[in-house]
Amino acid sequence: MPEAESASPPKVVYVGTYTRSGRSQGIHSFHQDPQSGNLTLRHTIAIDDPSFLTFDPRRRWLFAVSEGMGLDGGGVASFNIEDATGRLRQLSYQPSLGGEPCHLCCDPSGRWVLVANHEHGTVAVLPVDADGRLGPVADLRQHVGSGPGPTQTGPHAHYVTFDQPGRHVLVADKGIDKMMIYQLDLGTGKLVPNDPPFGSLHAGAAPRHLAFHPSGRYAYVNGEADMTISAFAYAAQRGSLGEELQVLSTLPDGASRDGCSTAEIEVEPAGRFVYVSNRGHDSIAIFGIDAATGRLTAAGHAPTQGRTPRNFAIDPTGTFLYVGNQGSDTIVHFRIDHQTGQLVSTGDVTSVGAPVCILFG
């Protein structure tokens, strides 16, 4: 008889948490069973409020913001990934020179880490040496302006990413209803305003996060304050978002907006559906994507089976979607129906104190 094929090895999943809750210690690493999606805790490393995590392009190092409280500032740490188990060892820590750093990314060369400082509305650039250690901030860009909403009295940078070609940096600023656009000087780490220097959202949206379509032709932005998703055509050569193609609500018709805000947005790997988490309503909104136009069609909602779904993540195969319910200390597992985009609960729930970021290794 032919020898049976060995099972796929487990995947490593990292979870960042709010330690200020008193219910967690820092970054937790889990092993994911590729068949069942089950998560098994392997290691924990202590760090204050690691509310967002990312890798370098070669996945040798993990970087985490350490958010801090208010205007007192926080920082960013780097970790070596020790072995196949995903165990972390801290290498360095640097101040981010701004209050509540809440998001970060690494440039495609692996030489620079970019950090969004929420409270001060700034973007910091830190160098990464050959051993994964961070140096002091090399550049700090200050956003200016305000918006019409009560949380928009000044700039609040909340998300930073590179476009798919890696030529442009896009920063969502909740306070000024803009996606700021830069180019990164790889020699100096300086952020240079792009031409055009920003893309605009409708007034009061408070753009929080952005997700690119796998084709790179479209981008989707969730409005934190007004519970919307905006669709854009993206011109990668120029780094231009252009005008909003479409704006849709992330809540069902007739649902109350009181106490609600959006949090995370992701496009699944096949590019057929985009998902947005609704805090307060405690649901994931589902939208179908027209690949020819980038336009969206509302496709329903899935309850997150917990409170305050700040973050969710889709595994690289597009099979599972994991929702971090910050207020319930749970990660709830769903399977994605590839035909309809609907989320089907697997019945598995992983206990984690105040989960706020899920990252697949």
Protein backbone atom coordinates (compact mmCIF):
# COMPACT_ATOMS: atom_id res chain seq x y z
CA MET A 1 0.00 0.00 0.00
CA PRO A 2 1.28 3.52 -0.68
CA GLU A 3 2.68 5.36 2.30
CA ALA A 4 0.23 7.87 3.75
CA GLU A 5 1.07 11.51 3.25
CA SER A 6 2.20 13.30 6.40
CA ALA A 7 -0.07 15.99 7.80
CA SER A 8 0.77 19.61 7.05
CA PRO A 9 2.95 21.16 9.75
CA PRO A 10 1.30 23.65 12.10
CA LYS A 11 1.45 27.36 11.28
CA VAL A 12 2.51 30.00 13.80
CA VAL A 13 0.00 32.70 14.74
CA TYR A 14 0.94 35.70 16.91
CA VAL A 15 -1.60 37.60 18.98
CA GLY A 16 -0.98 41.08 20.36
CA THR A 17 -3.00 42.20 23.38
CA TYR A 18 -3.81 45.14 25.62
CA THR A 19 -1.91 44.43 28.83
CA ARG A 20 -3.54 47.52 30.37
CA SER A 21 -6.58 45.29 30.76
CA GLY A 22 -4.77 43.30 33.43
CA ARG A 23 -5.89 40.14 31.64
CA SER A 24 -2.88 39.51 29.40
CA GLN A 25 0.90 39.66 29.44
CA GLY A 26 1.99 40.69 25.94
CA ILE A 27 2.47 38.73 22.70
CA HIS A 28 1.18 35.15 22.57
CA SER A 29 2.32 32.68 19.92
CA PHE A 30 0.02 29.84 18.89
CA HIS A 31 0.26 26.90 16.53
CA GLN A 32 -2.58 26.64 14.02
CA ASP A 33 -3.69 23.24 12.81
CA PRO A 34 -4.08 23.78 9.02
CA GLN A 35 -6.95 21.30 8.73
CA SER A 36 -9.14 22.19 11.70
CA GLY A 37 -7.96 25.75 12.28
CA ASN A 38 -7.53 25.01 15.98
CA LEU A 39 -5.05 27.23 17.88
CA THR A 40 -2.72 25.88 20.58
CA LEU A 41 -0.79 28.27 22.83
CA ARG A 42 2.99 27.75 22.75
CA HIS A 43 4.75 30.83 24.12
CA THR A 44 4.16 34.25 25.67
CA ILE A 45 6.58 37.19 25.86
CA ALA A 46 5.92 40.21 28.05
CA ILE A 47 5.64 43.69 26.54
CA ASP A 48 3.25 46.54 27.37
CA ASP A 49 0.24 46.95 25.07
CA PRO A 50 1.53 45.35 21.83
CA SER A 51 -1.54 46.49 19.90
CA PHE A 52 -0.16 45.83 16.43
CA LEU A 53 2.45 43.43 15.02
CA THR A 54 4.28 42.99 11.72
CA PHE A 55 7.23 41.12 10.18
CA ASP A 56 10.23 42.10 8.13
CA PRO A 57 9.90 40.88 4.50
CA ARG A 58 11.98 37.74 5.15
CA ARG A 59 10.13 36.99 8.39
CA ARG A 60 13.27 36.83 10.46
CA TRP A 61 12.05 39.46 12.92
CA LEU A 62 8.77 40.57 14.41
CA PHE A 63 8.09 44.22 15.23
CA ALA A 64 5.47 45.43 17.71
CA VAL A 65 4.19 48.78 18.83
CA SER A 66 4.07 49.28 22.60
CA GLU A 67 1.18 51.68 22.69
CA GLY A 68 1.48 53.52 26.00
CA MET A 69 -1.21 55.85 27.29
CA GLY A 70 -2.31 59.20 25.86
CA LEU A 71 0.27 61.85 25.12
CA ASP A 72 2.99 60.21 27.21
CA GLY A 73 4.20 58.35 24.15
CA GLY A 74 5.02 54.75 23.44
CA GLY A 75 7.50 52.90 21.33
CA VAL A 76 8.29 50.04 19.03
CA ALA A 77 10.17 46.82 19.79
CA SER A 78 11.87 44.23 17.62
CA PHE A 79 12.08 40.51 18.30
CA ASN A 80 14.06 37.64 16.86
CA ILE A 81 11.99 34.62 15.82
CA GLU A 82 14.04 31.91 17.45
CA ASP A 83 12.95 28.73 15.67
CA ALA A 84 10.11 26.95 13.94
CA THR A 85 8.06 27.05 17.15
CA GLY A 86 7.76 30.82 16.81
CA ARG A 87 9.36 31.65 20.15
CA LEU A 88 10.34 35.33 20.38
CA ARG A 89 13.39 37.00 21.94
CA GLN A 90 13.41 40.78 22.29
CA LEU A 91 16.22 42.55 20.47
CA SER A 92 15.55 46.26 20.89
CA TYR A 93 13.15 49.03 21.86
CA GLN A 94 12.93 52.63 20.66
CA PRO A 95 10.54 55.48 21.47
CA SER A 96 8.22 56.35 18.58
CA LEU A 97 8.23 60.08 19.51
CA GLY A 98 4.45 60.22 19.60
CA GLY A 99 1.46 59.27 21.72
CA GLU A 100 -0.21 55.88 21.37
CA PRO A 101 1.63 54.31 18.41
CA CYS A 102 -1.05 51.99 17.08
CA HIS A 103 0.13 50.59 13.73
CA LEU A 104 3.37 49.83 11.92
CA CYS A 105 4.84 48.25 8.81
CA CYS A 106 8.25 47.35 7.44
CA ASP A 107 9.42 48.59 4.04
CA PRO A 108 10.03 46.01 1.27
CA SER A 109 13.82 46.28 1.67
CA GLY A 110 13.59 45.43 5.37
CA ARG A 111 15.70 48.47 6.32
CA TRP A 112 13.01 50.75 7.78
CA VAL A 113 10.01 50.44 10.10
CA LEU A 114 7.22 53.02 9.82
CA VAL A 115 4.96 53.74 12.81
CA ALA A 116 1.64 55.65 13.05
CA ASN A 117 1.39 57.72 16.27
CA HIS A 118 -2.31 58.19 16.96
CA GLU A 119 -2.38 60.95 19.56
CA HIS A 120 0.06 63.32 17.84
CA GLY A 121 -0.94 62.57 14.24
CA THR A 122 2.60 61.74 13.18
CA VAL A 123 4.41 59.05 11.23
CA ALA A 124 7.85 57.96 12.46
CA VAL A 125 10.54 56.10 10.49
CA LEU A 126 13.09 53.97 12.36
CA PRO A 127 16.12 52.18 10.87
CA VAL A 128 16.59 48.42 11.21
CA ASP A 129 20.16 47.11 11.35
CA ALA A 130 21.45 43.82 9.93
CA ASP A 131 20.64 42.04 13.20
CA GLY A 132 17.05 43.28 13.46
CA ARG A 133 17.72 45.99 16.03
CA LEU A 134 15.95 49.32 15.74
CA GLY A 135 17.74 52.66 15.79
CA PRO A 136 16.35 56.03 16.91
CA VAL A 137 13.71 57.76 14.78
CA ALA A 138 15.23 58.99 11.49
CA ASP A 139 12.22 61.01 10.32
CA LEU A 140 8.95 62.25 11.80
CA ARG A 141 6.17 63.66 9.62
CA GLN A 142 3.49 65.80 11.29
CA HIS A 143 -0.01 65.85 9.84
CA VAL A 144 -2.14 68.99 10.16
CA GLY A 145 -5.84 69.73 10.02
CA SER A 146 -9.10 68.64 11.61
CA GLY A 147 -12.50 67.23 10.72
CA PRO A 148 -16.14 67.83 11.60
CA GLY A 149 -16.55 65.02 14.14
CA PRO A 150 -16.07 65.20 17.92
CA THR A 151 -12.96 62.99 17.69
CA GLN A 152 -11.48 65.05 14.83
CA THR A 153 -10.16 68.17 16.57
CA GLY A 154 -6.70 67.33 15.23
CA PRO A 155 -4.82 64.70 13.22
CA HIS A 156 -4.82 61.06 14.37
CA ALA A 157 -2.68 58.76 12.23
CA HIS A 158 -3.94 55.21 12.62
CA TYR A 159 -2.57 53.03 9.81
CA VAL A 160 0.52 52.94 7.61
CA THR A 161 1.27 50.62 4.69
CA PHE A 162 3.10 50.34 1.39
CA ASP A 163 1.22 49.79 -1.83
CA GLN A 164 1.81 46.50 -3.60
CA PRO A 165 4.66 47.71 -5.85
CA GLY A 166 6.32 49.09 -2.71
CA ARG A 167 6.77 52.57 -4.19
CA HIS A 168 4.29 54.57 -2.11
CA VAL A 169 3.41 54.82 1.58
CA LEU A 170 -0.24 55.38 2.51
CA VAL A 171 -1.25 56.63 5.96
CA ALA A 172 -4.85 56.70 7.19
CA ASP A 173 -5.45 59.77 9.36
CA LYS A 174 -8.75 59.63 11.25
CA GLY A 175 -8.62 63.24 12.34
CA ILE A 176 -8.44 64.88 8.92
CA ASP A 177 -10.40 62.47 6.66
CA LYS A 178 -7.38 61.85 4.45
CA MET A 179 -5.13 59.08 3.26
CA MET A 180 -1.73 60.77 3.26
CA ILE A 181 0.63 59.50 0.55
CA TYR A 182 4.45 59.54 0.65
CA GLN A 183 7.51 58.07 -0.96
CA LEU A 184 10.28 56.70 1.25
CA ASP A 185 13.91 57.65 0.56
CA LEU A 186 15.62 54.31 1.18
CA GLY A 187 18.98 55.95 1.76
CA THR A 188 17.95 58.43 4.44
CA GLY A 189 14.61 57.12 5.75
CA LYS A 190 12.94 60.44 4.93
CA LEU A 191 9.28 60.50 3.91
CA VAL A 192 8.74 62.71 0.85
CA PRO A 193 5.19 63.91 0.07
CA ASN A 194 3.86 62.27 -3.06
CA ASP A 195 2.23 64.10 -5.97
CA PRO A 196 -0.69 63.91 -5.22
CA PRO A 197 0.09 64.13 -1.47
CA PHE A 198 -3.19 62.64 -0.26
CA GLY A 199 -6.53 61.10 -1.13
CA SER A 200 -9.70 62.48 0.46
CA LEU A 201 -12.63 60.70 2.06
CA HIS A 202 -16.06 62.15 2.69
CA ALA A 203 -16.26 64.49 5.69
CA GLY A 204 -16.59 62.77 9.05
CA ALA A 205 -15.54 59.31 7.86
CA ALA A 206 -12.50 59.12 10.17
CA PRO A 207 -10.54 56.64 7.98
CA ARG A 208 -9.02 53.96 10.17
CA HIS A 209 -7.52 51.17 8.03
CA LEU A 210 -7.03 50.36 4.33
CA ALA A 211 -7.04 47.07 2.44
CA PHE A 212 -5.79 46.62 -1.13
CA HIS A 213 -7.40 44.26 -3.59
CA PRO A 214 -4.95 41.49 -4.67
CA SER A 215 -4.87 43.04 -8.16
CA GLY A 216 -3.55 46.30 -6.67
CA ARG A 217 -6.14 48.22 -8.73
CA TYR A 218 -8.57 48.95 -5.89
CA ALA A 219 -8.35 50.03 -2.27
CA TYR A 220 -10.98 49.90 0.46
CA VAL A 221 -11.04 52.14 3.55
CA ASN A 222 -13.26 51.81 6.60
CA GLY A 223 -14.66 54.94 8.21
CA GLU A 224 -14.37 54.44 11.95
CA ALA A 225 -16.77 57.19 12.96
CA ASP A 226 -19.60 56.88 10.45
CA MET A 227 -19.61 53.09 9.95
CA THR A 228 -18.78 53.11 6.24
CA ILE A 229 -16.60 51.40 3.68
CA SER A 230 -15.26 53.49 0.79
CA ALA A 231 -14.06 52.00 -2.48
CA PHE A 232 -11.29 53.63 -4.54
CA ALA A 233 -9.56 52.94 -7.82
CA TYR A 234 -5.81 53.02 -7.13
CA ALA A 235 -3.27 54.19 -9.71
CA ALA A 236 -0.07 52.53 -8.55
CA GLN A 237 2.21 54.38 -10.96
CA ARG A 238 1.22 57.78 -9.52
CA GLY A 239 0.25 56.63 -6.04
CA SER A 240 -3.20 58.16 -6.48
CA LEU A 241 -6.49 57.12 -4.85
CA GLY A 242 -8.62 59.47 -6.91
CA GLU A 243 -12.27 60.02 -5.95
CA GLU A 244 -14.40 57.65 -3.88
CA LEU A 245 -16.06 55.19 -6.26
CA GLN A 246 -18.65 54.18 -3.72
CA VAL A 247 -19.55 54.57 -0.03
CA LEU A 248 -21.65 51.94 1.75
CA SER A 249 -22.77 51.47 5.33
CA THR A 250 -21.21 48.61 7.30
CA LEU A 251 -24.37 48.25 9.42
CA PRO A 252 -27.67 46.63 8.46
CA ASP A 253 -30.51 48.93 7.43
CA GLY A 254 -32.18 50.40 10.51
CA ALA A 255 -29.42 49.40 12.95
CA SER A 256 -28.51 51.96 15.60
CA ARG A 257 -25.10 53.63 15.32
CA ASP A 258 -24.99 54.56 19.00
CA GLY A 259 -21.78 53.29 20.57
CA CYS A 260 -20.60 51.78 17.28
CA SER A 261 -17.35 52.15 15.36
CA THR A 262 -15.57 50.13 12.71
CA ALA A 263 -12.14 48.64 13.39
CA GLU A 264 -10.51 46.24 10.91
CA ILE A 265 -10.85 45.70 7.16
CA GLU A 266 -9.45 42.84 5.05
CA VAL A 267 -9.83 41.49 1.52
CA GLU A 268 -9.67 37.70 1.33
CA PRO A 269 -6.83 36.29 -0.81
CA ALA A 270 -8.97 35.48 -3.89
CA GLY A 271 -10.17 39.10 -4.02
CA ARG A 272 -13.87 38.22 -4.16
CA PHE A 273 -14.92 39.59 -0.76
CA VAL A 274 -13.95 42.30 1.71
CA TYR A 275 -14.80 42.24 5.42
CA VAL A 276 -15.15 44.99 8.05
CA SER A 277 -15.54 44.61 11.83
CA ASN A 278 -18.24 46.61 13.62
CA ARG A 279 -17.60 47.32 17.29
CA GLY A 280 -20.76 47.89 19.30
CA HIS A 281 -22.86 46.05 16.74
CA ASP A 282 -20.31 43.23 17.25
CA SER A 283 -20.45 41.88 13.73
CA ILE A 284 -18.40 41.37 10.60
CA ALA A 285 -19.87 43.10 7.54
CA ILE A 286 -19.40 41.19 4.27
CA PHE A 287 -19.17 42.76 0.80
CA GLY A 288 -18.78 41.15 -2.60
CA ILE A 289 -16.25 42.75 -4.98
CA ASP A 290 -16.78 43.22 -8.71
CA ALA A 291 -13.34 42.39 -10.11
CA ALA A 292 -13.95 44.47 -13.26
CA THR A 293 -14.93 47.71 -11.50
CA GLY A 294 -13.90 47.37 -7.86
CA ARG A 295 -17.44 48.24 -6.77
CA LEU A 296 -19.05 46.53 -3.80
CA THR A 297 -22.30 44.69 -3.07
CA ALA A 298 -23.46 44.24 0.52
CA ALA A 299 -23.61 40.52 1.33
CA GLY A 300 -24.73 40.42 4.95
CA HIS A 301 -23.33 40.28 8.47
CA ALA A 302 -21.95 37.64 10.80
CA PRO A 303 -22.18 38.06 14.60
CA THR A 304 -18.72 37.83 16.17
CA GLN A 305 -20.01 35.87 19.21
CA GLY A 306 -18.24 38.32 21.49
CA ARG A 307 -17.83 41.99 22.34
CA THR A 308 -15.70 44.64 20.64
CA PRO A 309 -14.22 42.93 17.55
CA ARG A 310 -11.23 45.25 17.26
CA ASN A 311 -9.23 42.99 14.95
CA PHE A 312 -9.68 39.97 12.74
CA ALA A 313 -7.38 38.15 10.34
CA ILE A 314 -7.79 35.78 7.41
CA ASP A 315 -5.29 32.94 7.20
CA PRO A 316 -3.06 32.91 4.08
CA THR A 317 -5.03 30.09 2.46
CA GLY A 318 -8.27 32.08 2.72
CA THR A 319 -9.90 29.19 4.60
CA PHE A 320 -10.34 30.64 8.09
CA LEU A 321 -11.20 34.04 9.54
CA TYR A 322 -10.33 34.64 13.20
CA VAL A 323 -12.04 37.44 15.15
CA GLY A 324 -10.36 38.96 18.20
CA ASN A 325 -13.13 40.07 20.56
CA GLN A 326 -11.27 42.52 22.77
CA GLY A 327 -14.13 42.94 25.24
CA SER A 328 -14.77 39.20 25.66
CA ASP A 329 -11.18 37.89 25.79
CA THR A 330 -11.83 35.48 22.93
CA ILE A 331 -10.74 34.65 19.41
CA VAL A 332 -13.69 33.09 17.56
CA HIS A 333 -12.95 30.88 14.54
CA PHE A 334 -14.91 30.94 11.29
CA ARG A 335 -14.62 29.18 7.93
CA ILE A 336 -15.10 31.28 4.81
CA ASP A 337 -17.59 30.03 2.23
CA HIS A 338 -15.66 30.73 -0.97
CA GLN A 339 -18.80 30.93 -3.09
CA THR A 340 -20.86 33.33 -0.98
CA GLY A 341 -18.28 34.92 1.33
CA GLN A 342 -20.39 33.99 4.35
CA LEU A 343 -18.71 33.13 7.65
CA VAL A 344 -19.53 29.77 9.23
CA SER A 345 -18.54 29.26 12.85
CA THR A 346 -16.29 26.24 13.41
CA GLY A 347 -17.34 26.05 17.05
CA ASP A 348 -13.79 26.71 18.22
CA VAL A 349 -13.07 29.62 20.57
CA THR A 350 -9.60 30.48 21.87
CA SER A 351 -9.26 32.31 25.18
CA VAL A 352 -6.88 35.30 25.10
CA GLY A 353 -6.99 38.37 27.34
CA ALA A 354 -7.93 41.53 25.37
CA PRO A 355 -6.78 40.38 21.89
CA VAL A 356 -6.20 43.33 19.53
CA CYS A 357 -3.99 41.97 16.72
CA ILE A 358 -3.74 38.59 14.98
CA LEU A 359 -0.75 37.95 12.71
CA PHE A 360 -0.04 34.81 10.68
CA GLY A 361 3.58 33.66 10.47
